[in-house]
Amino acid sequence: MALLQQKLSFSCLLILCLATVVSSHSRPYTTPSVTRLTDSFPRVQVDSAFSKTFGAKNIQFLSNGSTATLALDKITGSGLVSQSRYSYGFFSAAIKLPSGLSPGVVVAFYSLF
């Protein structure tokens, strides 16, 4: 029993000393600077890498072809298809739907291999 109390006292003292040493650093934590994974892949222009599949009047290419706006109206939506096959890469989308009018909207991104 005495040995257990001695070990427990030593463990508590060790933890207290380590906590004091760690908390006494005055320099603030800074996140490491690393290359973003998305920067490792080449970017493609939307207007040259994708074709308008349907709803062409609802598709606008912006920012010199680097982004596309796909609109949805009461009759049709819009869609793009890639001109090349991709084995890997990143895709991002910002989707904005009107409030209260989106229960029947189906937003889909299909990836075929």
N, C-alpha and C. Protein backbone atom coordinates (compact mmCIF):
# COMPACT_ATOMS: atom_id res chain seq x y z
N MET A 1 0.81 -1.19 0.00
CA MET A 1 0.00 0.00 0.00
C MET A 1 0.86 1.26 0.00
N ALA A 2 1.92 1.22 0.79
CA ALA A 2 2.82 2.37 0.86
C ALA A 2 3.52 2.59 -0.48
N LEU A 3 3.85 1.49 -1.15
CA LEU A 3 4.50 1.59 -2.47
C LEU A 3 3.56 2.22 -3.48
N LEU A 4 2.28 1.85 -3.44
CA LEU A 4 1.29 2.42 -4.35
C LEU A 4 1.12 3.91 -4.10
N GLN A 5 1.07 4.33 -2.85
CA GLN A 5 0.96 5.75 -2.51
C GLN A 5 2.19 6.52 -2.96
N GLN A 6 3.34 5.89 -2.85
CA GLN A 6 4.58 6.55 -3.27
C GLN A 6 4.58 6.75 -4.78
N LYS A 7 4.15 5.71 -5.52
CA LYS A 7 4.10 5.82 -6.98
C LYS A 7 3.08 6.86 -7.41
N LEU A 8 1.94 6.89 -6.71
CA LEU A 8 0.91 7.87 -7.04
C LEU A 8 1.39 9.29 -6.77
N SER A 9 2.06 9.50 -5.66
CA SER A 9 2.60 10.82 -5.34
C SER A 9 3.64 11.25 -6.36
N PHE A 10 4.51 10.32 -6.77
CA PHE A 10 5.53 10.63 -7.76
C PHE A 10 4.89 10.97 -9.11
N SER A 11 3.84 10.22 -9.50
CA SER A 11 3.14 10.48 -10.77
C SER A 11 2.49 11.85 -10.75
N CYS A 12 1.86 12.20 -9.63
CA CYS A 12 1.23 13.52 -9.54
C CYS A 12 2.26 14.63 -9.61
N LEU A 13 3.38 14.44 -8.95
CA LEU A 13 4.45 15.44 -8.98
C LEU A 13 5.01 15.58 -10.39
N LEU A 14 5.18 14.47 -11.10
CA LEU A 14 5.69 14.50 -12.47
C LEU A 14 4.73 15.23 -13.40
N ILE A 15 3.44 14.94 -13.28
CA ILE A 15 2.44 15.61 -14.11
C ILE A 15 2.41 17.10 -13.82
N LEU A 16 2.49 17.49 -12.57
CA LEU A 16 2.51 18.90 -12.20
C LEU A 16 3.72 19.61 -12.79
N CYS A 17 4.89 18.96 -12.72
CA CYS A 17 6.11 19.56 -13.28
C CYS A 17 6.00 19.72 -14.79
N LEU A 18 5.48 18.70 -15.47
CA LEU A 18 5.34 18.78 -16.93
C LEU A 18 4.33 19.86 -17.32
N ALA A 19 3.24 19.96 -16.59
CA ALA A 19 2.24 20.99 -16.88
C ALA A 19 2.83 22.38 -16.69
N THR A 20 3.65 22.55 -15.68
CA THR A 20 4.29 23.84 -15.42
C THR A 20 5.25 24.20 -16.54
N VAL A 21 6.04 23.23 -16.99
CA VAL A 21 7.00 23.48 -18.07
C VAL A 21 6.29 23.82 -19.36
N VAL A 22 5.23 23.06 -19.70
CA VAL A 22 4.51 23.30 -20.95
C VAL A 22 3.80 24.64 -20.92
N SER A 23 3.17 24.98 -19.81
CA SER A 23 2.41 26.23 -19.75
C SER A 23 3.29 27.46 -19.60
N SER A 24 4.57 27.28 -19.32
CA SER A 24 5.43 28.44 -19.12
C SER A 24 6.00 28.98 -20.43
N HIS A 25 5.75 28.32 -21.56
CA HIS A 25 6.23 28.85 -22.84
C HIS A 25 5.46 30.12 -23.17
N SER A 26 6.17 31.16 -23.53
CA SER A 26 5.52 32.44 -23.81
C SER A 26 5.20 32.65 -25.28
N ARG A 27 5.77 31.84 -26.14
CA ARG A 27 5.50 32.05 -27.56
C ARG A 27 4.16 31.43 -27.95
N PRO A 28 3.39 32.14 -28.77
CA PRO A 28 2.07 31.63 -29.17
C PRO A 28 2.22 30.50 -30.19
N TYR A 29 1.22 29.65 -30.24
CA TYR A 29 1.22 28.55 -31.20
C TYR A 29 0.89 29.07 -32.59
N THR A 30 1.68 28.67 -33.55
CA THR A 30 1.40 29.01 -34.94
C THR A 30 1.24 27.73 -35.73
N THR A 31 0.29 27.73 -36.64
CA THR A 31 0.06 26.55 -37.45
C THR A 31 1.20 26.37 -38.44
N PRO A 32 1.57 25.16 -38.73
CA PRO A 32 2.65 24.94 -39.69
C PRO A 32 2.23 25.34 -41.09
N SER A 33 3.17 25.85 -41.85
CA SER A 33 2.86 26.22 -43.23
C SER A 33 3.14 25.03 -44.13
N VAL A 34 2.09 24.55 -44.75
CA VAL A 34 2.20 23.40 -45.65
C VAL A 34 1.51 23.75 -46.96
N THR A 35 1.87 23.04 -47.99
CA THR A 35 1.24 23.24 -49.28
C THR A 35 -0.15 22.62 -49.25
N ARG A 36 -1.14 23.38 -49.72
CA ARG A 36 -2.49 22.84 -49.78
C ARG A 36 -2.53 21.74 -50.83
N LEU A 37 -3.27 20.69 -50.54
CA LEU A 37 -3.36 19.56 -51.45
C LEU A 37 -3.93 19.97 -52.80
N THR A 38 -4.87 20.89 -52.81
CA THR A 38 -5.47 21.33 -54.06
C THR A 38 -4.47 22.07 -54.95
N ASP A 39 -3.40 22.62 -54.37
CA ASP A 39 -2.39 23.30 -55.17
C ASP A 39 -1.46 22.33 -55.89
N SER A 40 -1.54 21.04 -55.55
CA SER A 40 -0.68 20.04 -56.17
C SER A 40 -1.21 19.56 -57.52
N PHE A 41 -2.42 19.92 -57.85
CA PHE A 41 -3.04 19.47 -59.10
C PHE A 41 -3.23 20.64 -60.04
N PRO A 42 -3.10 20.39 -61.34
CA PRO A 42 -3.32 21.49 -62.29
C PRO A 42 -4.80 21.88 -62.33
N ARG A 43 -5.04 23.15 -62.56
CA ARG A 43 -6.42 23.64 -62.68
C ARG A 43 -6.81 23.63 -64.14
N VAL A 44 -8.08 23.36 -64.39
CA VAL A 44 -8.59 23.39 -65.76
C VAL A 44 -9.64 24.48 -65.86
N GLN A 45 -9.72 25.09 -67.01
CA GLN A 45 -10.74 26.09 -67.27
C GLN A 45 -12.06 25.35 -67.53
N VAL A 46 -13.12 25.82 -66.91
CA VAL A 46 -14.42 25.16 -67.06
C VAL A 46 -14.90 25.23 -68.51
N ASP A 47 -14.73 26.37 -69.14
CA ASP A 47 -15.26 26.53 -70.50
C ASP A 47 -14.53 25.68 -71.54
N SER A 48 -13.28 25.30 -71.28
CA SER A 48 -12.56 24.46 -72.25
C SER A 48 -12.58 22.98 -71.87
N ALA A 49 -12.81 22.66 -70.61
CA ALA A 49 -12.79 21.26 -70.16
C ALA A 49 -14.17 20.63 -70.08
N PHE A 50 -15.23 21.44 -70.14
CA PHE A 50 -16.59 20.93 -70.02
C PHE A 50 -17.45 21.40 -71.17
N SER A 51 -18.42 20.58 -71.55
CA SER A 51 -19.39 20.94 -72.59
C SER A 51 -20.76 21.10 -71.95
N LYS A 52 -21.56 21.96 -72.55
CA LYS A 52 -22.93 22.14 -72.06
C LYS A 52 -23.75 20.94 -72.51
N THR A 53 -24.34 20.23 -71.54
CA THR A 53 -25.12 19.03 -71.85
C THR A 53 -26.57 19.38 -72.14
N PHE A 54 -27.19 20.12 -71.25
CA PHE A 54 -28.57 20.56 -71.46
C PHE A 54 -28.76 21.89 -70.75
N GLY A 55 -29.80 22.61 -71.15
CA GLY A 55 -30.07 23.91 -70.55
C GLY A 55 -28.99 24.93 -70.83
N ALA A 56 -28.50 24.94 -72.06
CA ALA A 56 -27.38 25.82 -72.42
C ALA A 56 -27.67 27.29 -72.14
N LYS A 57 -28.95 27.70 -72.26
CA LYS A 57 -29.26 29.11 -71.99
C LYS A 57 -29.16 29.45 -70.50
N ASN A 58 -29.10 28.43 -69.65
CA ASN A 58 -28.99 28.65 -68.21
C ASN A 58 -27.56 28.54 -67.70
N ILE A 59 -26.59 28.42 -68.60
CA ILE A 59 -25.19 28.28 -68.19
C ILE A 59 -24.42 29.51 -68.64
N GLN A 60 -23.69 30.10 -67.70
CA GLN A 60 -22.84 31.24 -68.01
C GLN A 60 -21.44 30.94 -67.49
N PHE A 61 -20.44 31.17 -68.34
CA PHE A 61 -19.05 31.04 -67.92
C PHE A 61 -18.55 32.41 -67.48
N LEU A 62 -17.93 32.46 -66.31
CA LEU A 62 -17.47 33.72 -65.73
C LEU A 62 -15.98 33.66 -65.43
N SER A 63 -15.40 34.78 -65.11
CA SER A 63 -13.98 34.90 -64.71
C SER A 63 -13.06 34.26 -65.74
N ASN A 64 -13.21 34.65 -66.98
CA ASN A 64 -12.40 34.12 -68.09
C ASN A 64 -12.49 32.60 -68.21
N GLY A 65 -13.66 32.05 -67.89
CA GLY A 65 -13.88 30.62 -68.05
C GLY A 65 -13.47 29.77 -66.87
N SER A 66 -13.05 30.39 -65.77
CA SER A 66 -12.61 29.59 -64.63
C SER A 66 -13.76 29.16 -63.72
N THR A 67 -14.92 29.82 -63.84
CA THR A 67 -16.11 29.41 -63.08
C THR A 67 -17.32 29.38 -63.99
N ALA A 68 -18.32 28.64 -63.56
CA ALA A 68 -19.56 28.56 -64.33
C ALA A 68 -20.73 28.75 -63.39
N THR A 69 -21.76 29.41 -63.89
CA THR A 69 -23.01 29.58 -63.15
C THR A 69 -24.06 28.75 -63.86
N LEU A 70 -24.67 27.81 -63.14
CA LEU A 70 -25.73 26.98 -63.68
C LEU A 70 -27.03 27.40 -63.02
N ALA A 71 -28.01 27.79 -63.82
CA ALA A 71 -29.27 28.30 -63.28
C ALA A 71 -30.37 27.25 -63.43
N LEU A 72 -31.40 27.43 -62.64
CA LEU A 72 -32.56 26.56 -62.64
C LEU A 72 -33.79 27.45 -62.76
N ASP A 73 -34.64 27.16 -63.75
CA ASP A 73 -35.87 27.92 -63.86
C ASP A 73 -37.05 26.95 -63.72
N LYS A 74 -38.26 27.42 -64.00
CA LYS A 74 -39.45 26.57 -63.80
C LYS A 74 -39.56 25.45 -64.82
N ILE A 75 -38.86 25.54 -65.92
CA ILE A 75 -38.99 24.55 -66.99
C ILE A 75 -37.82 23.56 -67.01
N THR A 76 -36.62 24.06 -66.87
CA THR A 76 -35.45 23.19 -67.01
C THR A 76 -34.32 23.61 -66.07
N GLY A 77 -33.36 22.77 -65.96
CA GLY A 77 -32.14 23.07 -65.21
C GLY A 77 -31.01 23.28 -66.18
N SER A 78 -29.84 22.82 -65.83
CA SER A 78 -28.69 22.92 -66.71
C SER A 78 -27.66 21.89 -66.28
N GLY A 79 -26.78 21.54 -67.19
CA GLY A 79 -25.77 20.54 -66.87
C GLY A 79 -24.53 20.65 -67.71
N LEU A 80 -23.42 20.23 -67.15
CA LEU A 80 -22.13 20.21 -67.83
C LEU A 80 -21.60 18.78 -67.81
N VAL A 81 -20.82 18.43 -68.82
CA VAL A 81 -20.15 17.13 -68.86
C VAL A 81 -18.69 17.38 -69.24
N SER A 82 -17.79 16.64 -68.61
CA SER A 82 -16.37 16.84 -68.91
C SER A 82 -16.02 16.25 -70.26
N GLN A 83 -15.09 16.87 -70.96
CA GLN A 83 -14.67 16.39 -72.27
C GLN A 83 -13.60 15.31 -72.16
N SER A 84 -12.98 15.19 -70.99
CA SER A 84 -11.94 14.19 -70.77
C SER A 84 -12.32 13.33 -69.57
N ARG A 85 -11.69 12.16 -69.51
CA ARG A 85 -11.88 11.29 -68.35
C ARG A 85 -10.81 11.65 -67.32
N TYR A 86 -11.24 11.75 -66.08
CA TYR A 86 -10.33 12.08 -64.99
C TYR A 86 -10.28 10.92 -64.01
N SER A 87 -9.09 10.49 -63.64
CA SER A 87 -8.93 9.43 -62.65
C SER A 87 -8.89 9.98 -61.23
N TYR A 88 -8.57 11.25 -61.09
CA TYR A 88 -8.48 11.88 -59.77
C TYR A 88 -8.67 13.37 -59.94
N GLY A 89 -8.86 14.05 -58.83
CA GLY A 89 -8.99 15.49 -58.88
C GLY A 89 -9.94 15.99 -57.81
N PHE A 90 -10.21 17.28 -57.85
CA PHE A 90 -11.08 17.92 -56.88
C PHE A 90 -12.19 18.65 -57.60
N PHE A 91 -13.32 18.69 -56.97
CA PHE A 91 -14.47 19.39 -57.52
C PHE A 91 -15.11 20.16 -56.38
N SER A 92 -15.44 21.40 -56.61
CA SER A 92 -16.12 22.18 -55.57
C SER A 92 -17.30 22.91 -56.19
N ALA A 93 -18.31 23.12 -55.36
CA ALA A 93 -19.51 23.82 -55.83
C ALA A 93 -20.08 24.66 -54.70
N ALA A 94 -20.57 25.81 -55.04
CA ALA A 94 -21.31 26.65 -54.11
C ALA A 94 -22.75 26.68 -54.61
N ILE A 95 -23.66 26.18 -53.80
CA ILE A 95 -25.05 26.03 -54.24
C ILE A 95 -25.93 27.00 -53.46
N LYS A 96 -26.70 27.78 -54.19
CA LYS A 96 -27.60 28.74 -53.58
C LYS A 96 -29.01 28.45 -54.09
N LEU A 97 -29.91 28.14 -53.17
CA LEU A 97 -31.29 27.86 -53.53
C LEU A 97 -32.19 28.94 -52.93
N PRO A 98 -33.27 29.28 -53.61
CA PRO A 98 -34.19 30.29 -53.06
C PRO A 98 -34.90 29.73 -51.83
N SER A 99 -35.09 30.56 -50.83
CA SER A 99 -35.74 30.09 -49.61
C SER A 99 -37.21 29.79 -49.87
N GLY A 100 -37.65 28.66 -49.35
CA GLY A 100 -39.05 28.27 -49.46
C GLY A 100 -39.46 27.70 -50.80
N LEU A 101 -38.62 27.81 -51.81
CA LEU A 101 -38.99 27.33 -53.14
C LEU A 101 -38.15 26.15 -53.60
N SER A 102 -37.48 25.45 -52.69
CA SER A 102 -36.55 24.42 -53.12
C SER A 102 -36.92 22.98 -52.75
N PRO A 103 -38.16 22.66 -52.32
CA PRO A 103 -38.44 21.28 -51.94
C PRO A 103 -38.30 20.28 -53.09
N GLY A 104 -38.58 20.67 -54.32
CA GLY A 104 -38.50 19.74 -55.44
C GLY A 104 -37.20 19.79 -56.20
N VAL A 105 -36.23 20.55 -55.73
CA VAL A 105 -34.96 20.71 -56.43
C VAL A 105 -34.06 19.50 -56.13
N VAL A 106 -33.52 18.91 -57.16
CA VAL A 106 -32.58 17.81 -57.00
C VAL A 106 -31.22 18.29 -57.48
N VAL A 107 -30.27 18.36 -56.56
CA VAL A 107 -28.92 18.76 -56.90
C VAL A 107 -28.08 17.49 -56.93
N ALA A 108 -27.44 17.22 -58.06
CA ALA A 108 -26.69 15.98 -58.18
C ALA A 108 -25.36 16.23 -58.87
N PHE A 109 -24.39 15.46 -58.44
CA PHE A 109 -23.08 15.44 -59.09
C PHE A 109 -22.77 13.97 -59.36
N TYR A 110 -22.71 13.60 -60.62
CA TYR A 110 -22.48 12.21 -61.00
C TYR A 110 -21.04 12.01 -61.40
N SER A 111 -20.46 10.99 -60.91
CA SER A 111 -19.09 10.63 -61.26
C SER A 111 -19.10 9.23 -61.84
N LEU A 112 -18.72 9.11 -63.10
CA LEU A 112 -18.70 7.82 -63.77
C LEU A 112 -17.28 7.36 -63.99
N PHE A 113 -17.02 6.11 -63.74
CA PHE A 113 -15.68 5.55 -63.92
C PHE A 113 -15.70 4.47 -64.96
